[in-house]
Structure formats: structure tokens, C-alpha cells
Amino acid sequence: MVEVSIKEINLIGDRHNRKILNNIQFEIQPNNIYTILGINGSGKSTLIKSLTKLLDERFYSINGKILLDGENIFELNEFALRELRQRKIKYVFQDAMNGFDQLRKIGYFFKVFASESTSINELLEYFILPKSNELFKMYPYELSGGMAQRVSMVLALATNPQLLILDEPTSGIDTLISNLYLYKLKEFALKENNSVLLVSQDLTFSKFVSDKIAYLNDGTLSEFYNTEDFFNQKINSSFESFISSYQSLSS
């Protein structure tokens, strides 16, 4: 179980700090998919990066704590943090291409992070990617953006983390791949004590994939509602505007 209690996240300036997020309180229980909705610039990516201290401490300050099975992530040393990011909490970022060293072949990343997995070829086939004997010889810059995101997803799933965190997972992908993500995430969340946290603007995907949904606005997070209940709530005028804008773009 993950317990998030963040009083505030500030952007550090030369003369004064600017508060980005405040009063963020929620829990992630096993076998559930949690979604945080919000418009661009609402702080969704900042929030998920803060959970494992990925924010650059030269520019951000965090007042709070993140408990993973009772242990405060913010108090871990660098070695323990690397172990946690490699094994227990895995990310799939929207800009997945930037997560790869462009001078190393794809096989290097699987050897380092998922060498013991026996499901790699099954995952590659599922996500419509080349077989390992072909893919592993390629450099990241030879992949399209969508392929890089799917490779990042395979890498994350192959390590079987406790928590999988996704940043705008449906951005730039078609309906077919979106459906593959949906079913695989549901399958992953039902295994052992796994759980998923994703941030998105995609209402349709979020509605079908999520067990619980919250909305990030004005620097703070609503409570998590069951998915059906969430869309029946009148959270605030900003959320209603977000819904209306999305529906007009989709029509």
C-alpha cells in the first residue's frame, strides 16, 4: 500500500518560491487502477515524479511524506531509491524516447532491468513490436515515438513492479494500442498486490480502465471516487468546463 501525504510542492525561485501543489492526500490500495485527471499544466506530471523523488531538488522543494508499506520513500538513501525505482515502482512516461540512452541498443535496457523475465517475447508480441532478436539490435532513435512508449511499457511490466505509474498513456497512440493498454493494465492490477496510478486527460480511456478517479485542479486533488460515482459528481466549475471541452473536441 502507498500512502501519499504532501503538504506542498514549491518551485524554487531566486527571490521567492512558487507553490505548485498543496494538500495532496490519498492512498493506493492493491489490485486497483487509480486515475488522476487534469488539464495541461495542472501539475499531474510533477505530482507523479514527486512520489519517488524524481524532481530535481535544485528547482523543487517537497514538504510531505510518501509511505510504501510503511517506509517513507523521502528518507531512503540513493542506493535504496534506485532499487525501489528499478523493482518496486516503475514509470512509463509520455516522452518515453527521452528515457533511453540513445547510444545504447534496446537489448541493453532489457539486460539491465528485465533479464530474468520469461514473458518478454509474449509482451513484445502483445504490443505489436518486433521480436527480441530484432528489436534488441535497434537503437532508440530507430524507434517511432509510439514504439518507444510501448517498449517502455514492456520493460516496466517485465519487472513486475508493485506499482506501475503512467503519464498520459494514450497520448499519440491509436485506438487499437489504447485497447491493448487497457486490457493489459487491468490484467496487471489483478496480479498479487499490484496497483496502477495514471494521469491523463483522456476521459474515455480513464472511464473504462479505472477503478477510482480524482481530479487535479488549482494545485490540489479531489478525493478519489469510484469511477461511476466520479462522473456523477459536480466537483467544481473547472471540472465541468474540462468535461465540456473534452466532449466538444470528441464530437
Protein backbone atom coordinates (compact mmCIF):
# COMPACT_ATOMS: atom_id res chain seq x y z
CA MET A 1 0.00 0.00 0.00
CA VAL A 2 1.15 3.53 -0.81
CA GLU A 3 0.14 6.48 1.36
CA VAL A 4 0.68 9.96 -0.08
CA SER A 5 0.69 12.96 2.22
CA ILE A 6 2.14 16.07 0.58
CA LYS A 7 1.59 19.41 2.29
CA GLU A 8 3.11 21.35 -0.59
CA ILE A 9 5.47 21.25 -3.58
CA ASN A 10 7.22 24.52 -4.39
CA LEU A 11 9.14 25.71 -7.42
CA ILE A 12 12.30 27.34 -6.08
CA GLY A 13 12.94 30.84 -7.43
CA ASP A 14 15.74 33.38 -7.00
CA ARG A 15 13.60 35.74 -4.94
CA HIS A 16 10.69 33.63 -3.75
CA ASN A 17 9.22 30.15 -4.11
CA ARG A 18 6.04 29.44 -6.05
CA LYS A 19 3.62 26.86 -4.68
CA ILE A 20 2.63 24.33 -7.36
CA LEU A 21 0.72 21.70 -5.40
CA ASN A 22 -0.68 21.59 -1.89
CA ASN A 23 -2.70 19.35 0.40
CA ILE A 24 -2.33 16.16 -1.67
CA GLN A 25 -3.68 13.22 0.35
CA PHE A 26 -4.55 9.77 -0.98
CA GLU A 27 -3.87 6.05 -0.64
CA ILE A 28 -3.18 3.41 -3.29
CA GLN A 29 -4.56 0.02 -2.40
CA PRO A 30 -3.53 -3.24 -4.13
CA ASN A 31 -5.47 -4.56 -7.13
CA ASN A 32 -6.83 -1.17 -8.16
CA ILE A 33 -6.26 1.26 -11.02
CA TYR A 34 -6.25 4.91 -9.93
CA THR A 35 -6.54 7.78 -12.40
CA ILE A 36 -5.83 11.46 -11.84
CA LEU A 37 -7.49 13.69 -14.42
CA GLY A 38 -6.45 17.25 -15.13
CA ILE A 39 -5.78 19.75 -17.88
CA ASN A 40 -2.32 20.55 -19.23
CA GLY A 41 -0.27 22.49 -16.70
CA SER A 42 -2.31 21.34 -13.71
CA GLY A 43 0.72 19.59 -12.15
CA LYS A 44 -0.07 15.95 -12.92
CA SER A 45 3.44 15.04 -14.09
CA THR A 46 5.00 16.99 -11.22
CA LEU A 47 2.90 15.01 -8.76
CA ILE A 48 3.81 11.55 -10.05
CA LYS A 49 7.51 12.43 -10.29
CA SER A 50 7.48 13.62 -6.69
CA LEU A 51 6.41 10.19 -5.45
CA THR A 52 9.90 8.69 -5.85
CA LYS A 53 11.93 11.92 -5.58
CA LEU A 54 12.43 12.28 -9.33
CA LEU A 55 12.02 16.06 -9.15
CA ASP A 56 15.29 17.97 -9.34
CA GLU A 57 15.96 19.24 -5.81
CA ARG A 58 17.72 22.32 -7.23
CA PHE A 59 14.37 23.54 -8.54
CA TYR A 60 11.72 21.87 -6.38
CA SER A 61 11.11 21.51 -2.67
CA ILE A 62 8.66 18.99 -1.21
CA ASN A 63 7.09 19.10 2.22
CA GLY A 64 5.48 15.78 3.00
CA LYS A 65 5.97 12.03 3.04
CA ILE A 66 5.29 9.02 0.84
CA LEU A 67 4.91 5.70 2.63
CA LEU A 68 5.39 2.44 0.74
CA ASP A 69 4.40 -0.44 3.00
CA GLY A 70 5.05 1.86 5.97
CA GLU A 71 8.50 3.05 4.85
CA ASN A 72 8.99 6.73 4.00
CA ILE A 73 10.40 6.97 0.45
CA PHE A 74 11.65 10.51 1.13
CA GLU A 75 14.01 9.16 3.81
CA LEU A 76 15.66 6.48 1.62
CA ASN A 77 19.30 6.83 0.60
CA GLU A 78 20.28 6.97 -3.10
CA PHE A 79 21.03 3.24 -3.33
CA ALA A 80 17.67 2.29 -1.82
CA LEU A 81 15.90 4.78 -4.09
CA ARG A 82 17.47 3.24 -7.20
CA GLU A 83 16.44 -0.22 -6.06
CA LEU A 84 12.89 0.98 -5.45
CA ARG A 85 12.67 2.62 -8.90
CA GLN A 86 14.10 -0.45 -10.61
CA ARG A 87 12.00 -3.10 -8.87
CA LYS A 88 9.00 -1.79 -6.94
CA ILE A 89 7.75 1.35 -8.69
CA LYS A 90 8.08 1.66 -12.47
CA TYR A 91 7.17 4.60 -14.70
CA VAL A 92 6.03 4.83 -18.30
CA PHE A 93 6.42 8.47 -19.31
CA GLN A 94 4.70 10.25 -22.16
CA ASP A 95 8.09 11.24 -23.63
CA ALA A 96 9.42 7.67 -23.40
CA MET A 97 12.10 8.31 -26.02
CA ASN A 98 13.96 10.62 -23.63
CA GLY A 99 14.17 7.83 -21.07
CA PHE A 100 16.59 5.84 -23.24
CA ASP A 101 20.29 6.44 -23.72
CA GLN A 102 20.37 6.94 -27.48
CA LEU A 103 23.85 5.41 -27.75
CA ARG A 104 22.82 2.04 -26.29
CA LYS A 105 20.89 -0.64 -28.11
CA ILE A 106 17.47 -1.65 -26.81
CA GLY A 107 18.81 -5.02 -25.69
CA TYR A 108 20.98 -3.27 -23.09
CA PHE A 109 17.94 -1.96 -21.19
CA PHE A 110 16.29 -5.36 -21.06
CA LYS A 111 19.53 -6.98 -19.90
CA VAL A 112 19.86 -4.47 -17.06
CA PHE A 113 16.24 -4.18 -15.94
CA ALA A 114 14.40 -7.30 -17.06
CA SER A 115 16.97 -10.02 -17.73
CA GLU A 116 15.19 -12.62 -15.59
CA SER A 117 11.75 -12.19 -17.16
CA THR A 118 10.43 -15.09 -19.21
CA SER A 119 7.49 -13.12 -20.62
CA ILE A 120 9.37 -10.55 -22.72
CA ASN A 121 8.65 -12.13 -26.11
CA GLU A 122 4.99 -12.58 -25.18
CA LEU A 123 4.76 -8.91 -24.19
CA LEU A 124 6.54 -7.77 -27.37
CA GLU A 125 4.11 -9.76 -29.47
CA TYR A 126 1.12 -8.48 -27.48
CA PHE A 127 2.13 -4.85 -28.06
CA ILE A 128 2.80 -5.46 -31.77
CA LEU A 129 6.56 -4.94 -31.52
CA PRO A 130 9.39 -6.77 -33.32
CA LYS A 131 10.69 -9.97 -31.78
CA SER A 132 13.52 -9.63 -29.29
CA ASN A 133 16.22 -10.89 -31.70
CA GLU A 134 15.35 -7.96 -33.98
CA LEU A 135 14.32 -5.27 -31.50
CA PHE A 136 17.31 -5.72 -29.20
CA LYS A 137 19.69 -4.81 -32.04
CA MET A 138 17.99 -1.46 -32.62
CA TYR A 139 18.94 1.91 -31.14
CA PRO A 140 16.23 4.05 -29.50
CA TYR A 141 16.44 6.66 -32.26
CA GLU A 142 15.36 3.97 -34.73
CA LEU A 143 12.02 3.65 -32.96
CA SER A 144 8.96 5.83 -33.52
CA GLY A 145 7.57 7.68 -30.52
CA GLY A 146 4.74 5.17 -30.19
CA MET A 147 7.13 2.23 -30.37
CA ALA A 148 9.37 3.78 -27.72
CA GLN A 149 6.38 4.15 -25.40
CA ARG A 150 5.36 0.52 -25.95
CA VAL A 151 8.93 -0.70 -25.37
CA SER A 152 8.97 1.31 -22.14
CA MET A 153 5.69 -0.35 -21.17
CA VAL A 154 7.11 -3.83 -21.86
CA LEU A 155 10.20 -3.01 -19.78
CA ALA A 156 8.02 -1.86 -16.90
CA LEU A 157 5.70 -4.86 -17.00
CA ALA A 158 8.54 -7.35 -17.36
CA THR A 159 9.96 -6.35 -13.97
CA ASN A 160 6.54 -6.98 -12.33
CA PRO A 161 6.64 -3.91 -10.09
CA GLN A 162 4.39 -3.36 -7.12
CA LEU A 163 3.17 -0.04 -8.53
CA LEU A 164 3.06 0.99 -12.19
CA ILE A 165 2.79 4.74 -12.87
CA LEU A 166 1.82 6.05 -16.31
CA ASP A 167 1.97 9.60 -17.65
CA GLU A 168 -0.66 10.27 -20.36
CA PRO A 169 -0.54 6.66 -21.61
CA THR A 170 -2.88 7.21 -24.57
CA SER A 171 -1.22 10.35 -25.89
CA GLY A 172 -0.19 9.85 -29.52
CA ILE A 173 -1.44 6.27 -29.87
CA ASP A 174 -4.37 4.90 -31.89
CA THR A 175 -7.47 3.11 -30.64
CA LEU A 176 -6.00 -0.37 -31.18
CA ILE A 177 -2.96 0.28 -28.99
CA SER A 178 -5.12 2.11 -26.45
CA ASN A 179 -7.28 -1.01 -26.09
CA LEU A 180 -4.17 -3.17 -25.68
CA TYR A 181 -3.06 -0.88 -22.86
CA LEU A 182 -6.49 -1.05 -21.24
CA TYR A 183 -6.68 -4.84 -21.08
CA LYS A 184 -3.05 -5.31 -20.05
CA LEU A 185 -3.33 -2.76 -17.23
CA LYS A 186 -6.45 -4.46 -15.89
CA GLU A 187 -4.67 -7.83 -16.04
CA PHE A 188 -1.59 -6.41 -14.29
CA ALA A 189 -3.61 -4.79 -11.48
CA LEU A 190 -5.27 -8.09 -10.59
CA LYS A 191 -1.95 -9.90 -10.02
CA GLU A 192 -0.63 -10.37 -6.49
CA ASN A 193 -0.50 -6.96 -4.76
CA ASN A 194 -0.06 -4.87 -7.89
CA SER A 195 -1.65 -1.48 -8.48
CA VAL A 196 -1.65 1.22 -11.17
CA LEU A 197 -1.62 5.00 -10.98
CA LEU A 198 -2.05 7.00 -14.17
CA VAL A 199 -2.51 10.68 -15.02
CA SER A 200 -4.47 11.61 -18.09
CA GLN A 201 -6.76 13.95 -19.97
CA ASP A 202 -8.40 11.06 -21.81
CA LEU A 203 -11.87 10.73 -20.27
CA THR A 204 -12.94 7.75 -22.38
CA PHE A 205 -9.88 5.64 -21.59
CA SER A 206 -10.00 6.66 -17.93
CA LYS A 207 -13.65 5.74 -17.62
CA PHE A 208 -13.10 2.21 -18.93
CA VAL A 209 -9.76 1.42 -17.26
CA SER A 210 -10.12 2.97 -13.81
CA ASP A 211 -11.43 1.68 -10.51
CA LYS A 212 -11.10 5.11 -8.88
CA ILE A 213 -10.72 8.62 -10.31
CA ALA A 214 -9.75 12.00 -8.87
CA TYR A 215 -9.38 15.45 -10.41
CA LEU A 216 -6.37 17.77 -10.02
CA ASN A 217 -7.19 21.47 -10.16
CA ASP A 218 -5.88 24.71 -8.63
CA GLY A 219 -2.94 22.85 -7.12
CA THR A 220 -4.88 20.32 -5.11
CA LEU A 221 -6.52 16.94 -5.60
CA SER A 222 -10.12 15.93 -5.08
CA GLU A 223 -10.88 12.73 -3.23
CA PHE A 224 -10.85 9.52 -5.26
CA TYR A 225 -14.33 8.39 -6.28
CA ASN A 226 -15.45 5.08 -7.69
CA THR A 227 -15.46 5.59 -11.45
CA GLU A 228 -19.24 5.54 -11.87
CA ASP A 229 -19.71 7.91 -8.95
CA PHE A 230 -16.99 10.25 -10.18
CA PHE A 231 -18.78 11.16 -13.38
CA ASN A 232 -21.95 11.85 -11.42
CA GLN A 233 -20.21 14.32 -9.07
CA LYS A 234 -20.34 18.08 -9.56
CA ILE A 235 -16.79 18.58 -8.28
CA ASN A 236 -16.31 22.19 -9.35
CA SER A 237 -16.88 24.56 -12.27
CA SER A 238 -13.37 23.94 -13.62
CA PHE A 239 -14.07 20.21 -13.88
CA GLU A 240 -17.39 20.88 -15.61
CA SER A 241 -15.54 23.11 -18.10
CA PHE A 242 -12.96 20.35 -18.63
CA ILE A 243 -15.74 17.82 -19.34
CA SER A 244 -17.46 20.20 -21.75
CA SER A 245 -14.23 20.99 -23.61
CA TYR A 246 -13.40 17.30 -23.95
CA GLN A 247 -16.88 16.46 -25.24
CA SER A 248 -16.78 19.26 -27.81
CA LEU A 249 -13.38 18.08 -29.09
CA SER A 250 -14.61 14.49 -29.29
CA SER A 251 -17.81 15.31 -31.19
